Amino acid sequence: MKINNIIRHSFNNSSEITELYRSLKIDYPKFFKMDGLSKLGLLASELILKGTENRFSPREDVAIICFNSVSSLDIDTLYQESIQNKDNYFPSPSLFVYTLPNIVNGEIAIRNKFFGESFFYICKIFDARQVIDTVRKTFHDTTITSVLAAWIEYSEEKKEVFMMWIENDNDVMELTEEQINKLYIDY
């Protein structure tokens, strides 16, 4: 396995995410309808895939694997508020659609025309071993040649993304837990 590109960003607030999106002059109006988790993941995928050859050509050989510790709690809380009051009960469809964390995978896949496997795992903390094991197992499917792997944390306290574009290359030394932890911490 070979890491071809890495992105690591953290933001103080959601406005900074939107500012970066606008500064990159990305033309994807659907961005403004997304929840914070999806915006963060999509923006990171834009940065990591920028300049990729045949970028928007359909690909069945790319898998998307995301992890975080809070699932979609930010939007879940907003949705809960929309149904809390029995006298003013108004479930919000625009919030409900994002109450599953794997929607970020779908947003990335739709934008980039990736039709391979897609997984979203909830972990207590960033776990490099789980990332490596999951990517390795994904490459057991010989139709998968590349994996977009990410830790995407979006909550009131933390807005961060660590994303890697990993290719299956048997000629490169195997990735280690120490390497991934160092990239996550030091990048």
N, C-alpha and C. Protein backbone atom coordinates (compact mmCIF):
# COMPACT_ATOMS: atom_id res chain seq x y z
N MET A 1 0.84 -1.18 0.00
CA MET A 1 0.00 0.00 0.00
C MET A 1 0.88 1.23 0.00
N LYS A 2 0.48 2.21 -0.78
CA LYS A 2 1.26 3.43 -0.92
C LYS A 2 0.34 4.64 -0.73
N ILE A 3 0.74 5.55 0.15
CA ILE A 3 -0.02 6.79 0.33
C ILE A 3 0.44 7.77 -0.75
N ASN A 4 -0.49 8.20 -1.58
CA ASN A 4 -0.16 9.15 -2.65
C ASN A 4 -0.40 10.59 -2.28
N ASN A 5 -1.32 10.82 -1.34
CA ASN A 5 -1.62 12.20 -0.95
C ASN A 5 -2.25 12.19 0.43
N ILE A 6 -2.01 13.27 1.16
CA ILE A 6 -2.55 13.42 2.51
C ILE A 6 -3.07 14.84 2.67
N ILE A 7 -4.19 14.94 3.35
CA ILE A 7 -4.74 16.25 3.71
C ILE A 7 -5.04 16.21 5.20
N ARG A 8 -4.67 17.24 5.91
CA ARG A 8 -5.03 17.37 7.33
C ARG A 8 -5.39 18.81 7.58
N HIS A 9 -6.62 19.04 8.00
CA HIS A 9 -7.08 20.39 8.32
C HIS A 9 -7.91 20.35 9.58
N SER A 10 -7.83 21.42 10.33
CA SER A 10 -8.77 21.61 11.44
C SER A 10 -9.30 23.04 11.33
N PHE A 11 -10.51 23.21 11.81
CA PHE A 11 -11.20 24.49 11.70
C PHE A 11 -11.75 24.88 13.06
N ASN A 12 -11.83 26.17 13.30
CA ASN A 12 -12.41 26.67 14.55
C ASN A 12 -13.92 26.71 14.51
N ASN A 13 -14.47 26.90 13.30
CA ASN A 13 -15.93 27.00 13.17
C ASN A 13 -16.33 26.63 11.75
N SER A 14 -17.63 26.50 11.55
CA SER A 14 -18.13 26.09 10.23
C SER A 14 -17.92 27.18 9.17
N SER A 15 -17.84 28.43 9.60
CA SER A 15 -17.61 29.52 8.65
C SER A 15 -16.27 29.36 7.94
N GLU A 16 -15.27 28.88 8.67
CA GLU A 16 -13.95 28.68 8.06
C GLU A 16 -14.00 27.61 6.97
N ILE A 17 -14.82 26.60 7.16
CA ILE A 17 -14.97 25.55 6.15
C ILE A 17 -15.57 26.15 4.88
N THR A 18 -16.61 26.96 5.04
CA THR A 18 -17.26 27.60 3.90
C THR A 18 -16.30 28.59 3.22
N GLU A 19 -15.53 29.33 4.01
CA GLU A 19 -14.55 30.26 3.44
C GLU A 19 -13.53 29.54 2.57
N LEU A 20 -13.03 28.40 3.05
CA LEU A 20 -12.07 27.63 2.26
C LEU A 20 -12.72 27.12 0.99
N TYR A 21 -13.94 26.62 1.10
CA TYR A 21 -14.68 26.16 -0.08
C TYR A 21 -14.75 27.28 -1.13
N ARG A 22 -15.17 28.46 -0.70
CA ARG A 22 -15.30 29.59 -1.63
C ARG A 22 -13.95 30.01 -2.21
N SER A 23 -12.91 29.99 -1.40
CA SER A 23 -11.59 30.40 -1.88
C SER A 23 -11.04 29.44 -2.95
N LEU A 24 -11.47 28.21 -2.91
CA LEU A 24 -11.03 27.23 -3.90
C LEU A 24 -11.83 27.30 -5.20
N LYS A 25 -12.88 28.12 -5.19
CA LYS A 25 -13.73 28.33 -6.37
C LYS A 25 -14.28 27.01 -6.92
N ILE A 26 -14.74 26.18 -6.02
CA ILE A 26 -15.36 24.91 -6.41
C ILE A 26 -16.80 25.20 -6.81
N ASP A 27 -17.22 24.63 -7.90
CA ASP A 27 -18.59 24.83 -8.37
C ASP A 27 -19.41 23.59 -8.05
N TYR A 28 -19.98 23.57 -6.86
CA TYR A 28 -20.80 22.44 -6.42
C TYR A 28 -21.85 22.99 -5.45
N PRO A 29 -22.90 23.64 -5.98
CA PRO A 29 -23.90 24.32 -5.14
C PRO A 29 -24.51 23.44 -4.05
N LYS A 30 -24.55 22.13 -4.26
CA LYS A 30 -25.11 21.22 -3.26
C LYS A 30 -24.35 21.32 -1.93
N PHE A 31 -23.11 21.81 -1.97
CA PHE A 31 -22.29 21.96 -0.77
C PHE A 31 -23.04 22.72 0.32
N PHE A 32 -23.77 23.75 -0.05
CA PHE A 32 -24.42 24.61 0.93
C PHE A 32 -25.63 23.98 1.60
N LYS A 33 -26.11 22.86 1.07
CA LYS A 33 -27.24 22.14 1.67
C LYS A 33 -26.77 21.04 2.62
N MET A 34 -25.48 20.73 2.60
CA MET A 34 -24.95 19.61 3.37
C MET A 34 -24.79 19.95 4.85
N ASP A 35 -24.73 18.90 5.67
CA ASP A 35 -24.38 19.08 7.07
C ASP A 35 -22.88 19.30 7.18
N GLY A 36 -22.41 19.68 8.36
CA GLY A 36 -20.99 19.98 8.57
C GLY A 36 -20.07 18.82 8.29
N LEU A 37 -20.45 17.62 8.70
CA LEU A 37 -19.62 16.42 8.46
C LEU A 37 -19.41 16.20 6.97
N SER A 38 -20.48 16.31 6.20
CA SER A 38 -20.39 16.11 4.75
C SER A 38 -19.59 17.23 4.09
N LYS A 39 -19.78 18.47 4.54
CA LYS A 39 -19.00 19.58 3.99
C LYS A 39 -17.51 19.35 4.21
N LEU A 40 -17.18 18.93 5.42
CA LEU A 40 -15.77 18.72 5.76
C LEU A 40 -15.17 17.59 4.92
N GLY A 41 -15.88 16.50 4.80
CA GLY A 41 -15.38 15.37 4.00
C GLY A 41 -15.28 15.71 2.53
N LEU A 42 -16.31 16.37 1.99
CA LEU A 42 -16.29 16.73 0.58
C LEU A 42 -15.16 17.71 0.28
N LEU A 43 -14.99 18.70 1.13
CA LEU A 43 -13.93 19.68 0.93
C LEU A 43 -12.55 19.01 0.95
N ALA A 44 -12.33 18.10 1.90
CA ALA A 44 -11.06 17.39 1.96
C ALA A 44 -10.84 16.56 0.70
N SER A 45 -11.90 15.91 0.21
CA SER A 45 -11.76 15.12 -1.01
C SER A 45 -11.43 16.02 -2.20
N GLU A 46 -11.99 17.21 -2.22
CA GLU A 46 -11.66 18.17 -3.29
C GLU A 46 -10.16 18.50 -3.25
N LEU A 47 -9.65 18.74 -2.07
CA LEU A 47 -8.24 19.09 -1.93
C LEU A 47 -7.32 17.93 -2.29
N ILE A 48 -7.68 16.75 -1.84
CA ILE A 48 -6.80 15.60 -2.04
C ILE A 48 -6.84 15.08 -3.48
N LEU A 49 -7.96 15.28 -4.16
CA LEU A 49 -8.10 14.75 -5.52
C LEU A 49 -7.86 15.80 -6.60
N LYS A 50 -7.64 17.04 -6.19
CA LYS A 50 -7.41 18.13 -7.14
C LYS A 50 -6.28 17.75 -8.11
N GLY A 51 -6.54 17.90 -9.38
CA GLY A 51 -5.53 17.61 -10.39
C GLY A 51 -5.40 16.14 -10.75
N THR A 52 -6.22 15.28 -10.15
CA THR A 52 -6.16 13.86 -10.47
C THR A 52 -6.61 13.65 -11.91
N GLU A 53 -5.87 12.84 -12.63
CA GLU A 53 -6.19 12.55 -14.03
C GLU A 53 -7.58 11.90 -14.12
N ASN A 54 -8.35 12.30 -15.10
CA ASN A 54 -9.70 11.77 -15.32
C ASN A 54 -10.55 11.85 -14.05
N ARG A 55 -10.45 12.95 -13.38
CA ARG A 55 -11.05 13.14 -12.05
C ARG A 55 -12.50 12.73 -11.94
N PHE A 56 -13.33 13.11 -12.88
CA PHE A 56 -14.76 12.85 -12.73
C PHE A 56 -15.26 11.73 -13.64
N SER A 57 -14.35 10.89 -14.07
CA SER A 57 -14.75 9.70 -14.83
C SER A 57 -15.22 8.63 -13.86
N PRO A 58 -16.28 7.90 -14.19
CA PRO A 58 -16.76 6.85 -13.28
C PRO A 58 -15.67 5.83 -12.96
N ARG A 59 -15.57 5.48 -11.67
CA ARG A 59 -14.56 4.51 -11.23
C ARG A 59 -15.17 3.53 -10.25
N GLU A 60 -15.07 2.26 -10.56
CA GLU A 60 -15.54 1.21 -9.67
C GLU A 60 -14.41 0.66 -8.81
N ASP A 61 -13.20 1.15 -9.05
CA ASP A 61 -12.01 0.63 -8.36
C ASP A 61 -11.61 1.45 -7.15
N VAL A 62 -12.43 2.42 -6.74
CA VAL A 62 -12.12 3.28 -5.59
C VAL A 62 -13.09 2.99 -4.45
N ALA A 63 -12.54 2.75 -3.27
CA ALA A 63 -13.35 2.56 -2.06
C ALA A 63 -13.20 3.80 -1.18
N ILE A 64 -14.23 4.08 -0.41
CA ILE A 64 -14.21 5.19 0.54
C ILE A 64 -14.41 4.61 1.93
N ILE A 65 -13.46 4.90 2.83
CA ILE A 65 -13.53 4.40 4.20
C ILE A 65 -13.34 5.58 5.15
N CYS A 66 -14.35 5.86 5.95
CA CYS A 66 -14.27 6.97 6.89
C CYS A 66 -14.46 6.48 8.32
N PHE A 67 -13.91 7.24 9.25
CA PHE A 67 -13.97 6.94 10.67
C PHE A 67 -14.22 8.23 11.42
N ASN A 68 -14.83 8.13 12.59
CA ASN A 68 -14.86 9.23 13.56
C ASN A 68 -15.35 8.71 14.90
N SER A 69 -15.43 9.58 15.88
CA SER A 69 -15.83 9.14 17.22
C SER A 69 -17.22 9.61 17.61
N VAL A 70 -17.83 10.49 16.82
CA VAL A 70 -19.11 11.08 17.22
C VAL A 70 -20.25 10.81 16.26
N SER A 71 -20.00 9.97 15.26
CA SER A 71 -21.01 9.66 14.27
C SER A 71 -21.52 10.96 13.66
N SER A 72 -22.83 11.12 13.60
CA SER A 72 -23.43 12.35 13.05
C SER A 72 -24.12 13.13 14.17
N LEU A 73 -23.52 13.12 15.34
CA LEU A 73 -24.14 13.68 16.54
C LEU A 73 -24.54 15.15 16.38
N ASP A 74 -23.74 15.93 15.68
CA ASP A 74 -24.05 17.35 15.50
C ASP A 74 -25.42 17.53 14.84
N ILE A 75 -25.65 16.86 13.73
CA ILE A 75 -26.93 17.00 13.03
C ILE A 75 -28.02 16.23 13.75
N ASP A 76 -27.68 15.12 14.43
CA ASP A 76 -28.67 14.37 15.20
C ASP A 76 -29.29 15.26 16.29
N THR A 77 -28.46 16.07 16.92
CA THR A 77 -28.93 16.98 17.96
C THR A 77 -29.89 18.01 17.38
N LEU A 78 -29.55 18.57 16.23
CA LEU A 78 -30.44 19.54 15.59
C LEU A 78 -31.76 18.88 15.18
N TYR A 79 -31.68 17.66 14.69
CA TYR A 79 -32.90 16.95 14.30
C TYR A 79 -33.78 16.68 15.52
N GLN A 80 -33.13 16.25 16.61
CA GLN A 80 -33.88 15.99 17.84
C GLN A 80 -34.63 17.25 18.30
N GLU A 81 -33.98 18.40 18.18
CA GLU A 81 -34.63 19.66 18.54
C GLU A 81 -35.85 19.93 17.67
N SER A 82 -35.81 19.48 16.41
CA SER A 82 -36.94 19.73 15.51
C SER A 82 -38.15 18.85 15.81
N ILE A 83 -37.96 17.80 16.62
CA ILE A 83 -39.09 16.92 16.97
C ILE A 83 -39.38 16.92 18.47
N GLN A 84 -38.63 17.68 19.23
CA GLN A 84 -38.73 17.68 20.69
C GLN A 84 -40.08 18.19 21.22
N ASN A 85 -40.53 19.30 20.69
CA ASN A 85 -41.72 19.95 21.18
C ASN A 85 -42.97 19.33 20.55
N LYS A 86 -43.78 18.66 21.35
CA LYS A 86 -44.98 18.00 20.83
C LYS A 86 -46.00 18.99 20.31
N ASP A 87 -45.99 20.22 20.81
CA ASP A 87 -46.92 21.24 20.33
C ASP A 87 -46.45 21.89 19.04
N ASN A 88 -45.17 21.83 18.79
CA ASN A 88 -44.60 22.41 17.57
C ASN A 88 -43.74 21.35 16.88
N TYR A 89 -44.33 20.19 16.69
CA TYR A 89 -43.64 19.03 16.13
C TYR A 89 -43.47 19.22 14.63
N PHE A 90 -42.23 19.40 14.20
CA PHE A 90 -41.96 19.58 12.79
C PHE A 90 -40.65 18.91 12.41
N PRO A 91 -40.71 17.61 12.09
CA PRO A 91 -39.50 16.92 11.67
C PRO A 91 -38.91 17.56 10.41
N SER A 92 -37.65 17.83 10.44
CA SER A 92 -37.01 18.49 9.32
C SER A 92 -36.38 17.47 8.36
N PRO A 93 -36.95 17.31 7.16
CA PRO A 93 -36.37 16.38 6.19
C PRO A 93 -34.95 16.77 5.79
N SER A 94 -34.66 18.07 5.74
CA SER A 94 -33.32 18.51 5.35
C SER A 94 -32.29 18.13 6.40
N LEU A 95 -32.70 17.99 7.66
CA LEU A 95 -31.78 17.52 8.70
C LEU A 95 -31.76 16.00 8.74
N PHE A 96 -32.93 15.38 8.62
CA PHE A 96 -33.03 13.93 8.74
C PHE A 96 -32.13 13.20 7.75
N VAL A 97 -32.02 13.72 6.54
CA VAL A 97 -31.23 13.06 5.51
C VAL A 97 -29.76 12.89 5.95
N TYR A 98 -29.29 13.73 6.86
CA TYR A 98 -27.89 13.67 7.30
C TYR A 98 -27.71 12.99 8.66
N THR A 99 -28.73 12.30 9.15
CA THR A 99 -28.62 11.66 10.46
C THR A 99 -27.92 10.31 10.40
N LEU A 100 -27.29 10.00 9.31
CA LEU A 100 -26.43 8.83 9.19
C LEU A 100 -25.05 9.31 8.79
N PRO A 101 -24.00 8.90 9.49
CA PRO A 101 -22.67 9.42 9.18
C PRO A 101 -22.17 9.02 7.80
N ASN A 102 -22.65 7.88 7.28
CA ASN A 102 -22.14 7.44 5.98
C ASN A 102 -22.64 8.30 4.81
N ILE A 103 -23.48 9.28 5.08
CA ILE A 103 -23.92 10.19 4.02
C ILE A 103 -22.71 10.95 3.47
N VAL A 104 -21.73 11.24 4.30
CA VAL A 104 -20.53 11.91 3.80
C VAL A 104 -19.86 11.06 2.72
N ASN A 105 -19.82 9.74 2.92
CA ASN A 105 -19.25 8.85 1.90
C ASN A 105 -20.04 8.98 0.60
N GLY A 106 -21.36 9.01 0.73
CA GLY A 106 -22.21 9.14 -0.45
C GLY A 106 -21.98 10.45 -1.18
N GLU A 107 -21.84 11.53 -0.43
CA GLU A 107 -21.59 12.83 -1.06
C GLU A 107 -20.27 12.82 -1.83
N ILE A 108 -19.24 12.24 -1.23
CA ILE A 108 -17.93 12.14 -1.91
C ILE A 108 -18.05 11.25 -3.14
N ALA A 109 -18.72 10.12 -3.00
CA ALA A 109 -18.87 9.17 -4.11
C ALA A 109 -19.64 9.80 -5.27
N ILE A 110 -20.73 10.49 -4.96
CA ILE A 110 -21.55 11.11 -6.01
C ILE A 110 -20.73 12.17 -6.75
N ARG A 111 -20.09 13.03 -5.99
CA ARG A 111 -19.30 14.11 -6.60
C ARG A 111 -18.20 13.57 -7.51
N ASN A 112 -17.55 12.49 -7.08
CA ASN A 112 -16.38 11.98 -7.80
C ASN A 112 -16.67 10.77 -8.68
N LYS A 113 -17.93 10.32 -8.69
CA LYS A 113 -18.34 9.15 -9.48
C LYS A 113 -17.56 7.90 -9.08
N PHE A 114 -17.42 7.70 -7.76
CA PHE A 114 -16.79 6.50 -7.23
C PHE A 114 -17.89 5.48 -6.95
N PHE A 115 -17.75 4.29 -7.50
CA PHE A 115 -18.78 3.27 -7.35
C PHE A 115 -18.27 2.04 -6.59
N GLY A 116 -17.11 2.13 -5.96
CA GLY A 116 -16.57 1.01 -5.20
C GLY A 116 -17.20 0.91 -3.82
N GLU A 117 -16.59 0.12 -2.96
CA GLU A 117 -17.08 -0.09 -1.60
C GLU A 117 -17.07 1.21 -0.81
N SER A 118 -17.91 1.25 0.23
CA SER A 118 -18.00 2.43 1.08
C SER A 118 -18.32 1.98 2.51
N PHE A 119 -17.52 2.46 3.47
CA PHE A 119 -17.70 2.10 4.87
C PHE A 119 -17.54 3.33 5.75
N PHE A 120 -18.26 3.37 6.85
CA PHE A 120 -18.07 4.41 7.86
C PHE A 120 -18.05 3.73 9.22
N TYR A 121 -16.96 3.90 9.96
CA TYR A 121 -16.79 3.26 11.27
C TYR A 121 -16.77 4.31 12.38
N ILE A 122 -17.42 3.97 13.48
CA ILE A 122 -17.40 4.84 14.66
C ILE A 122 -16.46 4.21 15.67
N CYS A 123 -15.44 4.97 16.10
CA CYS A 123 -14.43 4.49 17.04
C CYS A 123 -14.33 5.50 18.19
N LYS A 124 -13.88 5.03 19.35
CA LYS A 124 -13.72 5.96 20.48
C LYS A 124 -12.66 7.00 20.20
N ILE A 125 -11.56 6.57 19.57
CA ILE A 125 -10.45 7.47 19.26
C ILE A 125 -9.88 7.07 17.90
N PHE A 126 -9.03 7.95 17.33
CA PHE A 126 -8.34 7.60 16.09
C PHE A 126 -7.50 6.36 16.36
N ASP A 127 -7.66 5.36 15.52
CA ASP A 127 -6.98 4.07 15.71
C ASP A 127 -6.29 3.68 14.41
N ALA A 128 -4.99 3.96 14.32
CA ALA A 128 -4.22 3.69 13.11
C ALA A 128 -4.26 2.22 12.73
N ARG A 129 -4.25 1.34 13.72
CA ARG A 129 -4.29 -0.09 13.42
C ARG A 129 -5.59 -0.45 12.70
N GLN A 130 -6.70 0.09 13.16
CA GLN A 130 -7.98 -0.20 12.52
C GLN A 130 -8.00 0.37 11.09
N VAL A 131 -7.44 1.54 10.91
CA VAL A 131 -7.37 2.12 9.57
C VAL A 131 -6.60 1.20 8.64
N ILE A 132 -5.41 0.79 9.06
CA ILE A 132 -4.57 -0.07 8.24
C ILE A 132 -5.25 -1.41 7.97
N ASP A 133 -5.79 -2.03 8.99
CA ASP A 133 -6.45 -3.33 8.82
C ASP A 133 -7.64 -3.22 7.86
N THR A 134 -8.43 -2.16 7.99
CA THR A 134 -9.60 -1.99 7.15
C THR A 134 -9.19 -1.75 5.70
N VAL A 135 -8.19 -0.91 5.48
CA VAL A 135 -7.71 -0.65 4.12
C VAL A 135 -7.14 -1.94 3.52
N ARG A 136 -6.35 -2.65 4.29
CA ARG A 136 -5.76 -3.90 3.81
C ARG A 136 -6.85 -4.89 3.40
N LYS A 137 -7.87 -5.05 4.24
CA LYS A 137 -8.97 -5.97 3.91
C LYS A 137 -9.74 -5.50 2.68
N THR A 138 -9.87 -4.21 2.52
CA THR A 138 -10.56 -3.67 1.35
C THR A 138 -9.80 -4.02 0.08
N PHE A 139 -8.48 -4.00 0.14
CA PHE A 139 -7.66 -4.35 -1.02
C PHE A 139 -7.70 -5.85 -1.33
N HIS A 140 -8.25 -6.66 -0.45
CA HIS A 140 -8.44 -8.08 -0.76
C HIS A 140 -9.40 -8.25 -1.94
N ASP A 141 -10.28 -7.27 -2.10
CA ASP A 141 -11.15 -7.23 -3.28
C ASP A 141 -10.27 -6.73 -4.42
N THR A 142 -9.92 -7.59 -5.32
CA THR A 142 -8.95 -7.25 -6.37
C THR A 142 -9.46 -6.20 -7.36
N THR A 143 -10.75 -5.87 -7.29
CA THR A 143 -11.25 -4.80 -8.17
C THR A 143 -10.93 -3.42 -7.60
N ILE A 144 -10.57 -3.35 -6.31
CA ILE A 144 -10.24 -2.07 -5.67
C ILE A 144 -8.75 -1.78 -5.83
N THR A 145 -8.43 -0.64 -6.45
CA THR A 145 -7.04 -0.24 -6.63
C THR A 145 -6.65 0.95 -5.77
N SER A 146 -7.66 1.71 -5.31
CA SER A 146 -7.39 2.91 -4.51
C SER A 146 -8.43 3.04 -3.40
N VAL A 147 -7.98 3.60 -2.28
CA VAL A 147 -8.88 3.85 -1.15
C VAL A 147 -8.72 5.29 -0.70
N LEU A 148 -9.83 5.96 -0.53
CA LEU A 148 -9.86 7.27 0.09
C LEU A 148 -10.23 7.01 1.54
N ALA A 149 -9.26 7.12 2.44
CA ALA A 149 -9.48 6.82 3.86
C ALA A 149 -9.41 8.11 4.66
N ALA A 150 -10.34 8.27 5.61
CA ALA A 150 -10.39 9.54 6.34
C ALA A 150 -10.89 9.38 7.77
N TRP A 151 -10.35 10.21 8.63
CA TRP A 151 -10.88 10.45 9.97
C TRP A 151 -11.53 11.83 9.86
N ILE A 152 -12.85 11.88 10.00
CA ILE A 152 -13.58 13.14 9.86
C ILE A 152 -14.37 13.37 11.14
N GLU A 153 -13.96 14.34 11.90
CA GLU A 153 -14.60 14.64 13.17
C GLU A 153 -15.27 15.99 13.08
N TYR A 154 -16.60 15.99 13.22
CA TYR A 154 -17.33 17.26 13.18
C TYR A 154 -18.26 17.31 14.39
N SER A 155 -17.92 18.18 15.32
CA SER A 155 -18.75 18.38 16.51
C SER A 155 -18.62 19.85 16.90
N GLU A 156 -19.33 20.23 17.93
CA GLU A 156 -19.25 21.62 18.40
C GLU A 156 -17.81 21.96 18.80
N GLU A 157 -17.14 20.99 19.42
CA GLU A 157 -15.78 21.22 19.92
C GLU A 157 -14.69 21.03 18.87
N LYS A 158 -14.92 20.16 17.90
CA LYS A 158 -13.84 19.77 17.00
C LYS A 158 -14.33 19.64 15.58
N LYS A 159 -13.59 20.27 14.68
CA LYS A 159 -13.86 20.16 13.25
C LYS A 159 -12.53 19.88 12.57
N GLU A 160 -12.29 18.58 12.32
CA GLU A 160 -11.00 18.22 11.74
C GLU A 160 -11.17 17.07 10.76
N VAL A 161 -10.25 17.04 9.82
CA VAL A 161 -10.23 15.96 8.85
C VAL A 161 -8.79 15.56 8.56
N PHE A 162 -8.58 14.27 8.49
CA PHE A 162 -7.30 13.68 8.09
C PHE A 162 -7.66 12.66 7.01
N MET A 163 -7.24 12.94 5.78
CA MET A 163 -7.63 12.09 4.66
C MET A 163 -6.39 11.64 3.89
N MET A 164 -6.42 10.38 3.45
CA MET A 164 -5.32 9.81 2.69
C MET A 164 -5.85 9.16 1.42
N TRP A 165 -5.11 9.33 0.34
CA TRP A 165 -5.38 8.61 -0.90
C TRP A 165 -4.35 7.49 -0.94
N ILE A 166 -4.82 6.27 -0.82
CA ILE A 166 -3.93 5.11 -0.72
C ILE A 166 -4.14 4.21 -1.93
N GLU A 167 -3.03 3.81 -2.53
CA GLU A 167 -3.11 2.91 -3.68
C GLU A 167 -2.51 1.56 -3.32
N ASN A 168 -3.05 0.54 -3.94
CA ASN A 168 -2.57 -0.81 -3.71
C ASN A 168 -1.33 -1.01 -4.57
N ASP A 169 -0.18 -1.03 -3.94
CA ASP A 169 1.09 -1.17 -4.65
C ASP A 169 1.92 -2.20 -3.89
N ASN A 170 2.02 -3.38 -4.45
CA ASN A 170 2.74 -4.47 -3.78
C ASN A 170 4.24 -4.25 -3.72
N ASP A 171 4.76 -3.30 -4.53
CA ASP A 171 6.19 -3.04 -4.55
C ASP A 171 6.65 -2.10 -3.44
N VAL A 172 5.71 -1.52 -2.70
CA VAL A 172 6.04 -0.57 -1.64
C VAL A 172 5.91 -1.27 -0.30
N MET A 173 6.82 -0.93 0.62
CA MET A 173 6.78 -1.51 1.96
C MET A 173 5.43 -1.25 2.62
N GLU A 174 4.94 -2.22 3.35
CA GLU A 174 3.64 -2.14 4.01
C GLU A 174 3.59 -0.96 4.99
N LEU A 175 2.46 -0.26 5.01
CA LEU A 175 2.27 0.83 5.96
C LEU A 175 2.21 0.28 7.37
N THR A 176 2.72 1.05 8.31
CA THR A 176 2.71 0.62 9.70
C THR A 176 1.83 1.54 10.54
N GLU A 177 1.45 1.04 11.68
CA GLU A 177 0.66 1.83 12.62
C GLU A 177 1.43 3.08 13.03
N GLU A 178 2.73 2.94 13.25
CA GLU A 178 3.56 4.09 13.65
C GLU A 178 3.57 5.16 12.56
N GLN A 179 3.67 4.75 11.29
CA GLN A 179 3.68 5.72 10.19
C GLN A 179 2.36 6.50 10.14
N ILE A 180 1.25 5.78 10.25
CA ILE A 180 -0.06 6.44 10.17
C ILE A 180 -0.25 7.38 11.37
N ASN A 181 0.12 6.93 12.57
CA ASN A 181 0.01 7.80 13.74
C ASN A 181 0.85 9.05 13.58
N LYS A 182 2.06 8.91 13.07
CA LYS A 182 2.93 10.05 12.87
C LYS A 182 2.31 11.03 11.86
N LEU A 183 1.77 10.50 10.77
CA LEU A 183 1.11 11.36 9.79
C LEU A 183 -0.08 12.08 10.41
N TYR A 184 -0.85 11.36 11.20
CA TYR A 184 -2.05 11.94 11.81
C TYR A 184 -1.67 13.04 12.82
N ILE A 185 -0.64 12.79 13.60
CA ILE A 185 -0.25 13.74 14.65
C ILE A 185 0.60 14.89 14.12
N ASP A 186 1.57 14.57 13.26
CA ASP A 186 2.56 15.56 12.82
C ASP A 186 2.22 16.31 11.55
N TYR A 187 1.33 15.80 10.76
CA TYR A 187 1.08 16.42 9.45
C TYR A 187 0.49 17.80 9.58
